[in-house]
Structures are given as structure tokens and as C-alpha cells.
All heavy atoms as atom14 arrays in JSON, in Angstrom:
{
  "sequence": "LKRGAARTENLELSDAYESNAERLVERAGLAGRVSRRLGVDIAETPDA",
  "atom14_mask": [
    [1, 1, 1, 1, 1, 1, 1, 1, 0, 0, 0, 0, 0, 0],
    [1, 1, 1, 1, 1, 1, 1, 1, 1, 0, 0, 0, 0, 0],
    [1, 1, 1, 1, 1, 1, 1, 1, 1, 1, 1, 0, 0, 0],
    [1, 1, 1, 1, 0, 0, 0, 0, 0, 0, 0, 0, 0, 0],
    [1, 1, 1, 1, 1, 0, 0, 0, 0, 0, 0, 0, 0, 0],
    [1, 1, 1, 1, 1, 0, 0, 0, 0, 0, 0, 0, 0, 0],
    [1, 1, 1, 1, 1, 1, 1, 1, 1, 1, 1, 0, 0, 0],
    [1, 1, 1, 1, 1, 1, 1, 0, 0, 0, 0, 0, 0, 0],
    [1, 1, 1, 1, 1, 1, 1, 1, 1, 0, 0, 0, 0, 0],
    [1, 1, 1, 1, 1, 1, 1, 1, 0, 0, 0, 0, 0, 0],
    [1, 1, 1, 1, 1, 1, 1, 1, 0, 0, 0, 0, 0, 0],
    [1, 1, 1, 1, 1, 1, 1, 1, 1, 0, 0, 0, 0, 0],
    [1, 1, 1, 1, 1, 1, 1, 1, 0, 0, 0, 0, 0, 0],
    [1, 1, 1, 1, 1, 1, 0, 0, 0, 0, 0, 0, 0, 0],
    [1, 1, 1, 1, 1, 1, 1, 1, 0, 0, 0, 0, 0, 0],
    [1, 1, 1, 1, 1, 0, 0, 0, 0, 0, 0, 0, 0, 0],
    [1, 1, 1, 1, 1, 1, 1, 1, 1, 1, 1, 1, 0, 0],
    [1, 1, 1, 1, 1, 1, 1, 1, 1, 0, 0, 0, 0, 0],
    [1, 1, 1, 1, 1, 1, 0, 0, 0, 0, 0, 0, 0, 0],
    [1, 1, 1, 1, 1, 1, 1, 1, 0, 0, 0, 0, 0, 0],
    [1, 1, 1, 1, 1, 0, 0, 0, 0, 0, 0, 0, 0, 0],
    [1, 1, 1, 1, 1, 1, 1, 1, 1, 0, 0, 0, 0, 0],
    [1, 1, 1, 1, 1, 1, 1, 1, 1, 1, 1, 0, 0, 0],
    [1, 1, 1, 1, 1, 1, 1, 1, 0, 0, 0, 0, 0, 0],
    [1, 1, 1, 1, 1, 1, 1, 0, 0, 0, 0, 0, 0, 0],
    [1, 1, 1, 1, 1, 1, 1, 1, 1, 0, 0, 0, 0, 0],
    [1, 1, 1, 1, 1, 1, 1, 1, 1, 1, 1, 0, 0, 0],
    [1, 1, 1, 1, 1, 0, 0, 0, 0, 0, 0, 0, 0, 0],
    [1, 1, 1, 1, 0, 0, 0, 0, 0, 0, 0, 0, 0, 0],
    [1, 1, 1, 1, 1, 1, 1, 1, 0, 0, 0, 0, 0, 0],
    [1, 1, 1, 1, 1, 0, 0, 0, 0, 0, 0, 0, 0, 0],
    [1, 1, 1, 1, 0, 0, 0, 0, 0, 0, 0, 0, 0, 0],
    [1, 1, 1, 1, 1, 1, 1, 1, 1, 1, 1, 0, 0, 0],
    [1, 1, 1, 1, 1, 1, 1, 0, 0, 0, 0, 0, 0, 0],
    [1, 1, 1, 1, 1, 1, 0, 0, 0, 0, 0, 0, 0, 0],
    [1, 1, 1, 1, 1, 1, 1, 1, 1, 1, 1, 0, 0, 0],
    [1, 1, 1, 1, 1, 1, 1, 1, 1, 1, 1, 0, 0, 0],
    [1, 1, 1, 1, 1, 1, 1, 1, 0, 0, 0, 0, 0, 0],
    [1, 1, 1, 1, 0, 0, 0, 0, 0, 0, 0, 0, 0, 0],
    [1, 1, 1, 1, 1, 1, 1, 0, 0, 0, 0, 0, 0, 0],
    [1, 1, 1, 1, 1, 1, 1, 1, 0, 0, 0, 0, 0, 0],
    [1, 1, 1, 1, 1, 1, 1, 1, 0, 0, 0, 0, 0, 0],
    [1, 1, 1, 1, 1, 0, 0, 0, 0, 0, 0, 0, 0, 0],
    [1, 1, 1, 1, 1, 1, 1, 1, 1, 0, 0, 0, 0, 0],
    [1, 1, 1, 1, 1, 1, 1, 0, 0, 0, 0, 0, 0, 0],
    [1, 1, 1, 1, 1, 1, 1, 0, 0, 0, 0, 0, 0, 0],
    [1, 1, 1, 1, 1, 1, 1, 1, 0, 0, 0, 0, 0, 0],
    [1, 1, 1, 1, 1, 0, 0, 0, 0, 0, 0, 0, 0, 0]
  ],
  "atom14_positions": [
    [[102.98, 107.8, 77.6], [102.59, 106.37, 77.6], [101.1, 106.22, 77.35], [100.65, 105.31, 76.63], [102.98, 105.73, 78.93], [104.49, 105.52, 79.16], [104.76, 105.12, 80.6], [105.05, 104.47, 78.2], [0.0, 0.0, 0.0], [0.0, 0.0, 0.0], [0.0, 0.0, 0.0], [0.0, 0.0, 0.0], [0.0, 0.0, 0.0], [0.0, 0.0, 0.0]],
    [[100.31, 107.09, 77.94], [98.86, 107.06, 77.7], [98.51, 107.38, 76.25], [97.47, 106.94, 75.75], [98.14, 108.03, 78.64], [98.24, 107.67, 80.12], [97.65, 108.76, 80.99], [97.83, 108.48, 82.46], [97.31, 109.59, 83.32], [0.0, 0.0, 0.0], [0.0, 0.0, 0.0], [0.0, 0.0, 0.0], [0.0, 0.0, 0.0], [0.0, 0.0, 0.0]],
    [[99.38, 108.14, 75.6], [99.17, 108.5, 74.19], [99.72, 107.43, 73.24], [99.61, 107.61, 72.02], [99.85, 109.83, 73.9], [99.3, 111.04, 74.62], [98.2, 111.74, 73.81], [97.93, 113.05, 74.37], [98.06, 114.2, 73.69], [98.47, 114.21, 72.45], [97.77, 115.35, 74.27], [0.0, 0.0, 0.0], [0.0, 0.0, 0.0], [0.0, 0.0, 0.0]],
    [[100.33, 106.39, 73.78], [100.76, 105.31, 72.89], [102.23, 104.99, 72.86], [102.66, 104.06, 72.17], [0.0, 0.0, 0.0], [0.0, 0.0, 0.0], [0.0, 0.0, 0.0], [0.0, 0.0, 0.0], [0.0, 0.0, 0.0], [0.0, 0.0, 0.0], [0.0, 0.0, 0.0], [0.0, 0.0, 0.0], [0.0, 0.0, 0.0], [0.0, 0.0, 0.0]],
    [[103.05, 105.75, 73.6], [104.48, 105.41, 73.68], [104.64, 104.03, 74.3], [103.82, 103.62, 75.14], [105.25, 106.45, 74.48], [0.0, 0.0, 0.0], [0.0, 0.0, 0.0], [0.0, 0.0, 0.0], [0.0, 0.0, 0.0], [0.0, 0.0, 0.0], [0.0, 0.0, 0.0], [0.0, 0.0, 0.0], [0.0, 0.0, 0.0], [0.0, 0.0, 0.0]],
    [[105.69, 103.33, 73.91], [105.87, 101.95, 74.38], [106.52, 101.89, 75.75], [106.1, 101.12, 76.62], [106.7, 101.17, 73.37], [0.0, 0.0, 0.0], [0.0, 0.0, 0.0], [0.0, 0.0, 0.0], [0.0, 0.0, 0.0], [0.0, 0.0, 0.0], [0.0, 0.0, 0.0], [0.0, 0.0, 0.0], [0.0, 0.0, 0.0], [0.0, 0.0, 0.0]],
    [[107.54, 102.7, 75.97], [108.29, 102.65, 77.22], [109.05, 103.96, 77.42], [109.29, 104.69, 76.46], [109.26, 101.48, 77.23], [110.28, 101.5, 76.09], [111.14, 100.25, 76.06], [112.01, 100.21, 74.9], [113.17, 100.82, 74.78], [113.63, 101.55, 75.81], [113.92, 100.72, 73.71], [0.0, 0.0, 0.0], [0.0, 0.0, 0.0], [0.0, 0.0, 0.0]],
    [[109.39, 104.23, 78.67], [110.14, 105.45, 78.98], [111.31, 105.13, 79.91], [111.26, 104.17, 80.69], [109.25, 106.5, 79.65], [108.89, 106.06, 80.96], [108.0, 106.78, 78.84], [0.0, 0.0, 0.0], [0.0, 0.0, 0.0], [0.0, 0.0, 0.0], [0.0, 0.0, 0.0], [0.0, 0.0, 0.0], [0.0, 0.0, 0.0], [0.0, 0.0, 0.0]],
    [[112.32, 105.95, 79.82], [113.47, 105.88, 80.73], [113.74, 107.27, 81.28], [113.75, 108.24, 80.52], [114.71, 105.34, 80.02], [115.92, 105.17, 80.91], [117.09, 104.51, 80.21], [117.07, 104.43, 78.97], [118.04, 104.07, 80.91], [0.0, 0.0, 0.0], [0.0, 0.0, 0.0], [0.0, 0.0, 0.0], [0.0, 0.0, 0.0], [0.0, 0.0, 0.0]],
    [[113.94, 107.37, 82.58], [114.17, 108.65, 83.24], [115.55, 108.65, 83.9], [115.91, 107.7, 84.59], [113.1, 108.9, 84.31], [113.19, 110.27, 84.91], [112.75, 111.25, 84.32], [113.79, 110.36, 86.1], [0.0, 0.0, 0.0], [0.0, 0.0, 0.0], [0.0, 0.0, 0.0], [0.0, 0.0, 0.0], [0.0, 0.0, 0.0], [0.0, 0.0, 0.0]],
    [[116.3, 109.73, 83.7], [117.61, 109.89, 84.33], [117.51, 110.97, 85.4], [117.02, 112.07, 85.12], [118.66, 110.28, 83.29], [118.84, 109.38, 82.07], [119.99, 109.88, 81.21], [119.05, 107.93, 82.47], [0.0, 0.0, 0.0], [0.0, 0.0, 0.0], [0.0, 0.0, 0.0], [0.0, 0.0, 0.0], [0.0, 0.0, 0.0], [0.0, 0.0, 0.0]],
    [[117.98, 110.67, 86.59], [117.95, 111.62, 87.71], [119.28, 111.61, 88.47], [119.96, 110.6, 88.52], [116.84, 111.24, 88.68], [115.44, 111.53, 88.2], [115.16, 113.0, 88.02], [115.92, 113.84, 88.56], [114.19, 113.34, 87.33], [0.0, 0.0, 0.0], [0.0, 0.0, 0.0], [0.0, 0.0, 0.0], [0.0, 0.0, 0.0], [0.0, 0.0, 0.0]],
    [[119.57, 112.72, 89.09], [120.71, 112.79, 90.01], [120.26, 112.99, 91.44], [121.05, 112.79, 92.36], [121.66, 113.93, 89.6], [122.41, 113.71, 88.29], [123.35, 114.88, 88.03], [123.15, 112.4, 88.3], [0.0, 0.0, 0.0], [0.0, 0.0, 0.0], [0.0, 0.0, 0.0], [0.0, 0.0, 0.0], [0.0, 0.0, 0.0], [0.0, 0.0, 0.0]],
    [[119.03, 113.4, 91.65], [118.46, 113.51, 93.01], [117.48, 112.37, 93.23], [116.68, 112.05, 92.34], [117.74, 114.84, 93.19], [117.01, 114.86, 94.4], [0.0, 0.0, 0.0], [0.0, 0.0, 0.0], [0.0, 0.0, 0.0], [0.0, 0.0, 0.0], [0.0, 0.0, 0.0], [0.0, 0.0, 0.0], [0.0, 0.0, 0.0], [0.0, 0.0, 0.0]],
    [[117.54, 111.75, 94.41], [116.63, 110.64, 94.69], [115.31, 111.11, 95.3], [114.48, 110.27, 95.69], [117.3, 109.62, 95.6], [117.67, 110.2, 96.97], [117.41, 111.38, 97.21], [118.25, 109.44, 97.78], [0.0, 0.0, 0.0], [0.0, 0.0, 0.0], [0.0, 0.0, 0.0], [0.0, 0.0, 0.0], [0.0, 0.0, 0.0], [0.0, 0.0, 0.0]],
    [[115.08, 112.41, 95.39], [113.9, 112.93, 96.09], [112.6, 112.56, 95.38], [111.54, 112.56, 96.02], [114.0, 114.45, 96.2], [0.0, 0.0, 0.0], [0.0, 0.0, 0.0], [0.0, 0.0, 0.0], [0.0, 0.0, 0.0], [0.0, 0.0, 0.0], [0.0, 0.0, 0.0], [0.0, 0.0, 0.0], [0.0, 0.0, 0.0], [0.0, 0.0, 0.0]],
    [[112.67, 112.26, 94.08], [111.45, 112.0, 93.31], [111.01, 110.55, 93.29], [109.89, 110.26, 92.87], [111.65, 112.47, 91.88], [111.88, 113.94, 91.71], [113.17, 114.46, 91.72], [110.83, 114.82, 91.56], [113.39, 115.82, 91.56], [111.04, 116.18, 91.42], [112.31, 116.67, 91.43], [112.53, 118.03, 91.29], [0.0, 0.0, 0.0], [0.0, 0.0, 0.0]],
    [[111.85, 109.63, 93.71], [111.6, 108.22, 93.4], [110.33, 107.67, 94.02], [109.58, 106.97, 93.34], [112.83, 107.39, 93.81], [114.1, 107.76, 93.07], [113.88, 107.82, 91.56], [113.54, 106.8, 90.94], [114.02, 108.93, 91.0], [0.0, 0.0, 0.0], [0.0, 0.0, 0.0], [0.0, 0.0, 0.0], [0.0, 0.0, 0.0], [0.0, 0.0, 0.0]],
    [[110.06, 107.96, 95.27], [108.86, 107.36, 95.9], [107.59, 107.89, 95.27], [106.65, 107.14, 95.01], [108.87, 107.62, 97.41], [108.86, 109.01, 97.68], [0.0, 0.0, 0.0], [0.0, 0.0, 0.0], [0.0, 0.0, 0.0], [0.0, 0.0, 0.0], [0.0, 0.0, 0.0], [0.0, 0.0, 0.0], [0.0, 0.0, 0.0], [0.0, 0.0, 0.0]],
    [[107.54, 109.19, 95.0], [106.35, 109.76, 94.36], [106.2, 109.27, 92.93], [105.08, 109.0, 92.45], [106.42, 111.27, 94.39], [106.2, 111.83, 95.78], [105.22, 111.5, 96.44], [107.09, 112.69, 96.23], [0.0, 0.0, 0.0], [0.0, 0.0, 0.0], [0.0, 0.0, 0.0], [0.0, 0.0, 0.0], [0.0, 0.0, 0.0], [0.0, 0.0, 0.0]],
    [[107.31, 109.15, 92.21], [107.26, 108.65, 90.85], [106.73, 107.21, 90.81], [105.89, 106.88, 89.96], [108.65, 108.71, 90.2], [0.0, 0.0, 0.0], [0.0, 0.0, 0.0], [0.0, 0.0, 0.0], [0.0, 0.0, 0.0], [0.0, 0.0, 0.0], [0.0, 0.0, 0.0], [0.0, 0.0, 0.0], [0.0, 0.0, 0.0], [0.0, 0.0, 0.0]],
    [[107.21, 106.4, 91.71], [106.74, 105.01, 91.77], [105.24, 104.94, 92.04], [104.52, 104.14, 91.43], [107.51, 104.25, 92.85], [107.14, 102.79, 92.94], [107.94, 102.05, 93.99], [108.87, 102.65, 94.56], [107.62, 100.86, 94.23], [0.0, 0.0, 0.0], [0.0, 0.0, 0.0], [0.0, 0.0, 0.0], [0.0, 0.0, 0.0], [0.0, 0.0, 0.0]],
    [[104.76, 105.79, 92.93], [103.34, 105.8, 93.25], [102.51, 106.22, 92.04], [101.46, 105.62, 91.76], [103.08, 106.73, 94.43], [101.62, 106.79, 94.85], [101.47, 107.44, 96.21], [101.95, 108.82, 96.23], [101.19, 109.85, 95.86], [99.96, 109.67, 95.43], [101.67, 111.07, 95.94], [0.0, 0.0, 0.0], [0.0, 0.0, 0.0], [0.0, 0.0, 0.0]],
    [[102.96, 107.23, 91.32], [102.22, 107.67, 90.14], [102.18, 106.59, 89.07], [101.14, 106.38, 88.43], [102.86, 108.93, 89.57], [102.68, 110.21, 90.36], [103.44, 111.35, 89.71], [101.22, 110.58, 90.51], [0.0, 0.0, 0.0], [0.0, 0.0, 0.0], [0.0, 0.0, 0.0], [0.0, 0.0, 0.0], [0.0, 0.0, 0.0], [0.0, 0.0, 0.0]],
    [[103.27, 105.88, 88.89], [103.31, 104.81, 87.9], [102.34, 103.7, 88.28], [101.59, 103.17, 87.44], [104.76, 104.25, 87.76], [104.76, 102.96, 86.92], [105.67, 105.29, 87.13], [0.0, 0.0, 0.0], [0.0, 0.0, 0.0], [0.0, 0.0, 0.0], [0.0, 0.0, 0.0], [0.0, 0.0, 0.0], [0.0, 0.0, 0.0], [0.0, 0.0, 0.0]],
    [[102.36, 103.31, 89.54], [101.46, 102.25, 90.0], [100.0, 102.66, 89.83], [99.15, 101.87, 89.37], [101.75, 101.9, 91.46], [103.1, 101.26, 91.69], [103.19, 99.85, 91.08], [102.14, 99.23, 90.88], [104.32, 99.41, 90.82], [0.0, 0.0, 0.0], [0.0, 0.0, 0.0], [0.0, 0.0, 0.0], [0.0, 0.0, 0.0], [0.0, 0.0, 0.0]],
    [[99.68, 103.89, 90.2], [98.28, 104.35, 90.11], [97.83, 104.43, 88.66], [96.63, 104.22, 88.38], [98.14, 105.71, 90.77], [98.27, 105.67, 92.28], [98.0, 107.01, 92.91], [96.63, 107.46, 92.66], [96.12, 108.59, 93.14], [96.88, 109.38, 93.89], [94.87, 108.93, 92.88], [0.0, 0.0, 0.0], [0.0, 0.0, 0.0], [0.0, 0.0, 0.0]],
    [[98.75, 104.69, 87.74], [98.4, 104.76, 86.33], [98.35, 103.39, 85.68], [97.93, 103.28, 84.51], [99.39, 105.66, 85.59], [0.0, 0.0, 0.0], [0.0, 0.0, 0.0], [0.0, 0.0, 0.0], [0.0, 0.0, 0.0], [0.0, 0.0, 0.0], [0.0, 0.0, 0.0], [0.0, 0.0, 0.0], [0.0, 0.0, 0.0], [0.0, 0.0, 0.0]],
    [[98.77, 102.35, 86.4], [98.78, 101.02, 85.85], [99.83, 100.81, 84.76], [99.63, 100.03, 83.83], [0.0, 0.0, 0.0], [0.0, 0.0, 0.0], [0.0, 0.0, 0.0], [0.0, 0.0, 0.0], [0.0, 0.0, 0.0], [0.0, 0.0, 0.0], [0.0, 0.0, 0.0], [0.0, 0.0, 0.0], [0.0, 0.0, 0.0], [0.0, 0.0, 0.0]],
    [[100.94, 101.51, 84.9], [101.97, 101.5, 83.86], [103.28, 100.87, 84.34], [104.33, 101.05, 83.72], [102.24, 102.91, 83.34], [101.03, 103.56, 82.63], [101.3, 105.03, 82.4], [100.74, 102.85, 81.32], [0.0, 0.0, 0.0], [0.0, 0.0, 0.0], [0.0, 0.0, 0.0], [0.0, 0.0, 0.0], [0.0, 0.0, 0.0], [0.0, 0.0, 0.0]],
    [[103.23, 100.15, 85.44], [104.43, 99.48, 85.94], [104.97, 98.53, 84.89], [104.22, 97.86, 84.18], [104.1, 98.72, 87.22], [0.0, 0.0, 0.0], [0.0, 0.0, 0.0], [0.0, 0.0, 0.0], [0.0, 0.0, 0.0], [0.0, 0.0, 0.0], [0.0, 0.0, 0.0], [0.0, 0.0, 0.0], [0.0, 0.0, 0.0], [0.0, 0.0, 0.0]],
    [[106.3, 98.49, 84.76], [106.92, 97.65, 83.76], [107.24, 98.38, 82.47], [108.01, 97.87, 81.65], [0.0, 0.0, 0.0], [0.0, 0.0, 0.0], [0.0, 0.0, 0.0], [0.0, 0.0, 0.0], [0.0, 0.0, 0.0], [0.0, 0.0, 0.0], [0.0, 0.0, 0.0], [0.0, 0.0, 0.0], [0.0, 0.0, 0.0], [0.0, 0.0, 0.0]],
    [[106.68, 99.56, 82.31], [106.95, 100.33, 81.09], [107.79, 101.58, 81.38], [108.13, 102.33, 80.47], [105.64, 100.73, 80.42], [104.85, 99.52, 79.92], [103.46, 99.91, 79.46], [103.5, 100.82, 78.32], [102.42, 101.43, 77.83], [101.24, 101.24, 78.4], [102.53, 102.22, 76.79], [0.0, 0.0, 0.0], [0.0, 0.0, 0.0], [0.0, 0.0, 0.0]],
    [[108.12, 101.77, 82.65], [108.91, 102.94, 83.07], [110.18, 102.46, 83.77], [110.13, 101.67, 84.71], [108.11, 103.84, 84.03], [108.99, 105.0, 84.53], [106.84, 104.35, 83.38], [0.0, 0.0, 0.0], [0.0, 0.0, 0.0], [0.0, 0.0, 0.0], [0.0, 0.0, 0.0], [0.0, 0.0, 0.0], [0.0, 0.0, 0.0], [0.0, 0.0, 0.0]],
    [[111.32, 102.96, 83.31], [112.6, 102.69, 83.93], [113.18, 103.98, 84.46], [113.16, 105.01, 83.78], [113.58, 102.08, 82.9], [114.9, 101.99, 83.41], [0.0, 0.0, 0.0], [0.0, 0.0, 0.0], [0.0, 0.0, 0.0], [0.0, 0.0, 0.0], [0.0, 0.0, 0.0], [0.0, 0.0, 0.0], [0.0, 0.0, 0.0], [0.0, 0.0, 0.0]],
    [[113.66, 103.95, 85.7], [114.24, 105.13, 86.33], [115.67, 104.8, 86.79], [115.89, 103.8, 87.47], [113.38, 105.61, 87.5], [111.97, 106.02, 87.07], [111.18, 106.58, 88.23], [111.79, 107.76, 88.81], [111.55, 109.03, 88.39], [110.74, 109.25, 87.38], [112.14, 110.05, 88.99], [0.0, 0.0, 0.0], [0.0, 0.0, 0.0], [0.0, 0.0, 0.0]],
    [[116.62, 105.7, 86.45], [118.01, 105.47, 86.77], [118.57, 106.7, 87.49], [118.37, 107.82, 87.05], [118.81, 105.19, 85.5], [118.34, 103.96, 84.74], [119.12, 103.78, 83.45], [120.54, 103.58, 83.69], [121.44, 103.52, 82.71], [121.08, 103.68, 81.45], [122.72, 103.32, 83.01], [0.0, 0.0, 0.0], [0.0, 0.0, 0.0], [0.0, 0.0, 0.0]],
    [[119.27, 106.44, 88.58], [119.87, 107.51, 89.37], [121.38, 107.6, 89.1], [122.05, 106.58, 88.89], [119.66, 107.25, 90.85], [118.27, 107.51, 91.42], [118.16, 106.97, 92.84], [117.95, 108.99, 91.39], [0.0, 0.0, 0.0], [0.0, 0.0, 0.0], [0.0, 0.0, 0.0], [0.0, 0.0, 0.0], [0.0, 0.0, 0.0], [0.0, 0.0, 0.0]],
    [[121.9, 108.83, 89.11], [123.34, 109.03, 89.06], [123.95, 108.95, 87.69], [125.18, 108.86, 87.58], [0.0, 0.0, 0.0], [0.0, 0.0, 0.0], [0.0, 0.0, 0.0], [0.0, 0.0, 0.0], [0.0, 0.0, 0.0], [0.0, 0.0, 0.0], [0.0, 0.0, 0.0], [0.0, 0.0, 0.0], [0.0, 0.0, 0.0], [0.0, 0.0, 0.0]],
    [[123.16, 109.01, 86.62], [123.71, 108.94, 85.26], [123.68, 110.32, 84.65], [122.61, 110.92, 84.46], [122.9, 107.96, 84.38], [123.47, 107.95, 82.96], [122.92, 106.56, 84.97], [0.0, 0.0, 0.0], [0.0, 0.0, 0.0], [0.0, 0.0, 0.0], [0.0, 0.0, 0.0], [0.0, 0.0, 0.0], [0.0, 0.0, 0.0], [0.0, 0.0, 0.0]],
    [[124.84, 110.87, 84.35], [124.97, 112.16, 83.67], [125.25, 111.88, 82.2], [126.36, 111.48, 81.82], [126.14, 112.94, 84.3], [126.31, 114.31, 83.71], [125.86, 114.54, 82.56], [126.9, 115.18, 84.37], [0.0, 0.0, 0.0], [0.0, 0.0, 0.0], [0.0, 0.0, 0.0], [0.0, 0.0, 0.0], [0.0, 0.0, 0.0], [0.0, 0.0, 0.0]],
    [[124.26, 112.08, 81.35], [124.37, 111.69, 79.95], [125.44, 112.49, 79.2], [126.05, 112.01, 78.26], [123.01, 111.83, 79.22], [123.05, 111.15, 77.86], [122.61, 113.3, 79.12], [121.68, 111.07, 77.19], [0.0, 0.0, 0.0], [0.0, 0.0, 0.0], [0.0, 0.0, 0.0], [0.0, 0.0, 0.0], [0.0, 0.0, 0.0], [0.0, 0.0, 0.0]],
    [[125.71, 113.72, 79.67], [126.75, 114.51, 79.04], [128.15, 113.98, 79.34], [129.04, 114.03, 78.48], [126.64, 115.97, 79.48], [0.0, 0.0, 0.0], [0.0, 0.0, 0.0], [0.0, 0.0, 0.0], [0.0, 0.0, 0.0], [0.0, 0.0, 0.0], [0.0, 0.0, 0.0], [0.0, 0.0, 0.0], [0.0, 0.0, 0.0], [0.0, 0.0, 0.0]],
    [[128.34, 113.48, 80.54], [129.65, 112.96, 80.95], [129.84, 111.51, 80.56], [130.95, 111.07, 80.26], [129.81, 113.14, 82.46], [129.85, 114.58, 82.92], [131.03, 115.35, 82.37], [132.07, 114.71, 82.03], [130.92, 116.58, 82.24], [0.0, 0.0, 0.0], [0.0, 0.0, 0.0], [0.0, 0.0, 0.0], [0.0, 0.0, 0.0], [0.0, 0.0, 0.0]],
    [[128.77, 110.71, 80.61], [128.87, 109.28, 80.31], [127.78, 108.89, 79.31], [126.86, 108.15, 79.63], [128.75, 108.42, 81.58], [127.51, 108.73, 82.23], [129.9, 108.68, 82.53], [0.0, 0.0, 0.0], [0.0, 0.0, 0.0], [0.0, 0.0, 0.0], [0.0, 0.0, 0.0], [0.0, 0.0, 0.0], [0.0, 0.0, 0.0], [0.0, 0.0, 0.0]],
    [[127.87, 109.4, 78.08], [126.8, 109.13, 77.1], [126.62, 107.66, 76.75], [125.52, 107.22, 76.42], [127.24, 109.95, 75.88], [128.72, 110.14, 76.04], [128.94, 110.25, 77.52], [0.0, 0.0, 0.0], [0.0, 0.0, 0.0], [0.0, 0.0, 0.0], [0.0, 0.0, 0.0], [0.0, 0.0, 0.0], [0.0, 0.0, 0.0], [0.0, 0.0, 0.0]],
    [[127.69, 106.87, 76.84], [127.6, 105.47, 76.5], [126.84, 104.65, 77.55], [126.5, 103.49, 77.31], [128.99, 104.87, 76.3], [129.7, 105.42, 75.08], [129.0, 105.97, 74.19], [130.94, 105.34, 75.02], [0.0, 0.0, 0.0], [0.0, 0.0, 0.0], [0.0, 0.0, 0.0], [0.0, 0.0, 0.0], [0.0, 0.0, 0.0], [0.0, 0.0, 0.0]],
    [[126.58, 105.26, 78.7], [125.83, 104.55, 79.74], [124.33, 104.52, 79.45], [123.59, 103.83, 80.15], [126.06, 105.23, 81.09], [0.0, 0.0, 0.0], [0.0, 0.0, 0.0], [0.0, 0.0, 0.0], [0.0, 0.0, 0.0], [0.0, 0.0, 0.0], [0.0, 0.0, 0.0], [0.0, 0.0, 0.0], [0.0, 0.0, 0.0], [0.0, 0.0, 0.0]]
  ]
}
């Protein structure tokens, strides 16, 4: 994002990262450009 990407989406199955990820996004001033989704397995549900 700092290099010019417009937006990012992250897929996770463990919720252990969420609070730290949110803090890093806020500190970087990039809130609104990062989407995080839990429980999505792209191999099993690619249309999601």
C-alpha cells in the first residue's frame, strides 16, 4: 500500500492476528484500504 497499491484483502483461518493487524493498519494511517476476512478457504470455496 505504501508503494502505491490501492487496496488489500487478507484471508485467515486463525483469529490470533486480528488485533495486532488492526493496530498496524491504524498506525500506518491505512484504515479503509485493508479488508480482513476470517474462515474463508479459497481452495474449498473459491467463489467466496
